[in-house]
Amino acid sequence: MGWQDGKELEGQSGDPQEEGELLDPLTPVREHCEQIEKCLKAQERLEECNSQTEEKCTEELFDFLHARDHCVAHELFSKLK
């Protein structure tokens, strides 16, 4: 009798996907960090660039991602087990 057999006897399938979806701890941290002032300003500049020009706005995108990831780096590891 293995682990799978024991789970089936308990009424569980033993399949991790059926037990419930795992949530990525990075997603809520990123959403929170996108709301800080520095990220909001960078996102505003990115949206303004996208709406007013036909260029790719790469610099503005990198500025936004840098600001968000800087915030995430400070908060993420406290959320991980």
N, C-alpha and C. Protein backbone atom coordinates (compact mmCIF):
# COMPACT_ATOMS: atom_id res chain seq x y z
N MET A 1 0.86 -1.18 0.00
CA MET A 1 0.00 0.00 0.00
C MET A 1 0.90 1.23 0.00
N GLY A 2 0.79 2.02 -1.05
CA GLY A 2 1.61 3.21 -1.19
C GLY A 2 0.83 4.46 -0.82
N TRP A 3 1.47 5.59 -1.03
CA TRP A 3 0.88 6.88 -0.70
C TRP A 3 -0.41 7.10 -1.48
N GLN A 4 -0.42 6.78 -2.78
CA GLN A 4 -1.61 6.97 -3.61
C GLN A 4 -2.76 6.11 -3.09
N ASP A 5 -2.47 4.86 -2.71
CA ASP A 5 -3.52 3.97 -2.20
C ASP A 5 -4.11 4.52 -0.91
N GLY A 6 -3.26 5.05 -0.04
CA GLY A 6 -3.75 5.62 1.21
C GLY A 6 -4.64 6.82 0.97
N LYS A 7 -4.32 7.66 0.00
CA LYS A 7 -5.15 8.82 -0.33
C LYS A 7 -6.50 8.38 -0.88
N GLU A 8 -6.50 7.33 -1.71
CA GLU A 8 -7.76 6.86 -2.28
C GLU A 8 -8.65 6.29 -1.19
N LEU A 9 -8.07 5.61 -0.19
CA LEU A 9 -8.86 5.08 0.91
C LEU A 9 -9.46 6.21 1.75
N GLU A 10 -8.76 7.33 1.85
CA GLU A 10 -9.25 8.47 2.61
C GLU A 10 -10.30 9.26 1.84
N GLY A 11 -10.54 8.91 0.59
CA GLY A 11 -11.51 9.62 -0.22
C GLY A 11 -10.91 10.74 -1.04
N GLN A 12 -9.59 10.85 -1.04
CA GLN A 12 -8.91 11.86 -1.82
C GLN A 12 -8.24 11.18 -3.00
N SER A 13 -8.14 11.89 -4.09
CA SER A 13 -7.55 11.30 -5.29
C SER A 13 -6.03 11.24 -5.21
N GLY A 14 -5.42 12.10 -4.42
CA GLY A 14 -3.97 12.14 -4.35
C GLY A 14 -3.36 13.01 -5.43
N ASP A 15 -4.18 13.50 -6.33
CA ASP A 15 -3.70 14.37 -7.41
C ASP A 15 -3.67 15.80 -6.89
N PRO A 16 -2.49 16.43 -6.84
CA PRO A 16 -2.40 17.79 -6.29
C PRO A 16 -3.27 18.81 -7.03
N GLN A 17 -3.51 18.61 -8.33
CA GLN A 17 -4.34 19.56 -9.07
C GLN A 17 -5.79 19.49 -8.62
N GLU A 18 -6.24 18.34 -8.18
CA GLU A 18 -7.62 18.20 -7.74
C GLU A 18 -7.81 18.67 -6.30
N GLU A 19 -6.74 18.79 -5.55
CA GLU A 19 -6.84 19.20 -4.16
C GLU A 19 -7.03 20.70 -4.01
N GLY A 20 -6.82 21.45 -5.05
CA GLY A 20 -6.98 22.89 -5.01
C GLY A 20 -5.84 23.55 -5.75
N GLU A 21 -6.15 24.67 -6.35
CA GLU A 21 -5.14 25.38 -7.11
C GLU A 21 -4.18 26.10 -6.17
N LEU A 22 -2.92 25.97 -6.45
CA LEU A 22 -1.91 26.71 -5.69
C LEU A 22 -1.84 28.13 -6.24
N LEU A 23 -1.73 29.08 -5.34
CA LEU A 23 -1.65 30.47 -5.75
C LEU A 23 -0.20 30.92 -5.76
N ASP A 24 0.17 31.66 -6.77
CA ASP A 24 1.51 32.20 -6.88
C ASP A 24 1.64 33.36 -5.88
N PRO A 25 2.55 33.28 -4.91
CA PRO A 25 2.68 34.36 -3.93
C PRO A 25 3.19 35.66 -4.54
N LEU A 26 3.73 35.60 -5.74
CA LEU A 26 4.27 36.79 -6.40
C LEU A 26 3.16 37.70 -6.91
N THR A 27 2.04 37.13 -7.33
CA THR A 27 0.96 37.91 -7.94
C THR A 27 0.40 38.98 -7.01
N PRO A 28 -0.04 38.65 -5.78
CA PRO A 28 -0.57 39.72 -4.92
C PRO A 28 0.49 40.76 -4.52
N VAL A 29 1.74 40.33 -4.40
CA VAL A 29 2.80 41.29 -4.05
C VAL A 29 2.99 42.27 -5.20
N ARG A 30 3.00 41.76 -6.44
CA ARG A 30 3.13 42.65 -7.60
C ARG A 30 1.96 43.62 -7.68
N GLU A 31 0.74 43.11 -7.44
CA GLU A 31 -0.44 43.98 -7.49
C GLU A 31 -0.34 45.08 -6.45
N HIS A 32 0.13 44.74 -5.26
CA HIS A 32 0.30 45.74 -4.21
C HIS A 32 1.36 46.77 -4.60
N CYS A 33 2.47 46.29 -5.11
CA CYS A 33 3.58 47.18 -5.47
C CYS A 33 3.22 48.10 -6.62
N GLU A 34 2.34 47.67 -7.51
CA GLU A 34 1.93 48.52 -8.62
C GLU A 34 1.14 49.73 -8.16
N GLN A 35 0.69 49.72 -6.90
CA GLN A 35 -0.12 50.82 -6.38
C GLN A 35 0.70 51.86 -5.61
N ILE A 36 2.00 51.63 -5.44
CA ILE A 36 2.81 52.64 -4.74
C ILE A 36 3.07 53.81 -5.69
N GLU A 37 3.36 54.96 -5.10
CA GLU A 37 3.47 56.21 -5.87
C GLU A 37 4.50 56.13 -7.00
N LYS A 38 5.66 55.59 -6.71
CA LYS A 38 6.72 55.52 -7.72
C LYS A 38 6.28 54.68 -8.92
N CYS A 39 5.61 53.57 -8.67
CA CYS A 39 5.14 52.71 -9.77
C CYS A 39 4.00 53.38 -10.53
N LEU A 40 3.12 54.06 -9.82
CA LEU A 40 2.01 54.73 -10.49
C LEU A 40 2.52 55.81 -11.44
N LYS A 41 3.53 56.55 -11.02
CA LYS A 41 4.10 57.59 -11.89
C LYS A 41 4.76 56.96 -13.12
N ALA A 42 5.50 55.88 -12.93
CA ALA A 42 6.16 55.21 -14.05
C ALA A 42 5.12 54.61 -15.00
N GLN A 43 4.06 54.05 -14.44
CA GLN A 43 3.00 53.48 -15.27
C GLN A 43 2.27 54.58 -16.04
N GLU A 44 2.07 55.72 -15.41
CA GLU A 44 1.43 56.85 -16.08
C GLU A 44 2.27 57.34 -17.26
N ARG A 45 3.59 57.45 -17.05
CA ARG A 45 4.49 57.84 -18.15
C ARG A 45 4.46 56.82 -19.29
N LEU A 46 4.39 55.54 -18.94
CA LEU A 46 4.33 54.48 -19.95
C LEU A 46 3.04 54.57 -20.75
N GLU A 47 1.91 54.74 -20.08
CA GLU A 47 0.63 54.85 -20.77
C GLU A 47 0.58 56.10 -21.65
N GLU A 48 1.14 57.20 -21.15
CA GLU A 48 1.18 58.44 -21.94
C GLU A 48 2.03 58.24 -23.19
N CYS A 49 3.15 57.59 -23.05
CA CYS A 49 4.03 57.32 -24.19
C CYS A 49 3.31 56.44 -25.21
N ASN A 50 2.65 55.40 -24.73
CA ASN A 50 1.94 54.48 -25.64
C ASN A 50 0.82 55.17 -26.39
N SER A 51 0.15 56.11 -25.74
CA SER A 51 -0.99 56.76 -26.39
C SER A 51 -0.58 57.89 -27.34
N GLN A 52 0.60 58.48 -27.12
CA GLN A 52 0.99 59.65 -27.91
C GLN A 52 1.98 59.35 -29.03
N THR A 53 2.65 58.23 -28.97
CA THR A 53 3.67 57.95 -29.98
C THR A 53 3.48 56.56 -30.56
N GLU A 54 4.16 56.33 -31.67
CA GLU A 54 4.14 55.00 -32.28
C GLU A 54 5.38 54.20 -31.92
N GLU A 55 6.27 54.80 -31.13
CA GLU A 55 7.47 54.07 -30.74
C GLU A 55 7.12 52.98 -29.73
N LYS A 56 8.08 52.18 -29.40
CA LYS A 56 7.86 51.04 -28.51
C LYS A 56 7.80 51.40 -27.03
N CYS A 57 8.30 52.56 -26.64
CA CYS A 57 8.30 53.01 -25.24
C CYS A 57 9.05 52.03 -24.33
N THR A 58 10.12 51.48 -24.83
CA THR A 58 10.90 50.50 -24.09
C THR A 58 11.48 51.08 -22.81
N GLU A 59 12.00 52.29 -22.87
CA GLU A 59 12.61 52.90 -21.69
C GLU A 59 11.56 53.08 -20.58
N GLU A 60 10.37 53.53 -20.95
CA GLU A 60 9.31 53.74 -19.97
C GLU A 60 8.85 52.40 -19.37
N LEU A 61 8.79 51.36 -20.21
CA LEU A 61 8.42 50.04 -19.72
C LEU A 61 9.45 49.53 -18.73
N PHE A 62 10.73 49.67 -19.05
CA PHE A 62 11.78 49.22 -18.14
C PHE A 62 11.76 50.02 -16.84
N ASP A 63 11.46 51.31 -16.90
CA ASP A 63 11.37 52.12 -15.68
C ASP A 63 10.25 51.60 -14.77
N PHE A 64 9.10 51.28 -15.36
CA PHE A 64 7.98 50.76 -14.59
C PHE A 64 8.33 49.40 -13.98
N LEU A 65 8.86 48.49 -14.79
CA LEU A 65 9.21 47.15 -14.29
C LEU A 65 10.28 47.22 -13.21
N HIS A 66 11.23 48.13 -13.36
CA HIS A 66 12.27 48.29 -12.35
C HIS A 66 11.68 48.77 -11.03
N ALA A 67 10.80 49.75 -11.09
CA ALA A 67 10.18 50.29 -9.87
C ALA A 67 9.34 49.21 -9.18
N ARG A 68 8.56 48.46 -9.96
CA ARG A 68 7.71 47.41 -9.38
C ARG A 68 8.56 46.30 -8.79
N ASP A 69 9.57 45.84 -9.53
CA ASP A 69 10.38 44.73 -9.05
C ASP A 69 11.24 45.12 -7.86
N HIS A 70 11.62 46.40 -7.76
CA HIS A 70 12.36 46.88 -6.59
C HIS A 70 11.49 46.72 -5.34
N CYS A 71 10.24 47.08 -5.44
CA CYS A 71 9.30 46.93 -4.32
C CYS A 71 9.08 45.45 -4.02
N VAL A 72 8.87 44.65 -5.05
CA VAL A 72 8.62 43.21 -4.88
C VAL A 72 9.79 42.54 -4.17
N ALA A 73 11.00 42.92 -4.52
CA ALA A 73 12.18 42.30 -3.92
C ALA A 73 12.21 42.47 -2.41
N HIS A 74 11.70 43.58 -1.93
CA HIS A 74 11.70 43.83 -0.49
C HIS A 74 10.60 43.06 0.23
N GLU A 75 9.53 42.70 -0.46
CA GLU A 75 8.38 42.09 0.20
C GLU A 75 8.22 40.60 -0.04
N LEU A 76 8.74 40.09 -1.14
CA LEU A 76 8.44 38.72 -1.55
C LEU A 76 8.94 37.67 -0.58
N PHE A 77 10.16 37.77 -0.12
CA PHE A 77 10.73 36.69 0.67
C PHE A 77 10.06 36.53 2.03
N SER A 78 9.41 37.55 2.53
CA SER A 78 8.67 37.40 3.78
C SER A 78 7.38 36.60 3.56
N LYS A 79 6.93 36.49 2.30
CA LYS A 79 5.71 35.76 1.98
C LYS A 79 5.97 34.29 1.66
N LEU A 80 7.21 33.93 1.35
CA LEU A 80 7.54 32.55 0.98
C LEU A 80 7.77 31.71 2.22
N LYS A 81 7.47 30.44 2.09
CA LYS A 81 7.67 29.51 3.22
C LYS A 81 9.05 28.92 3.16
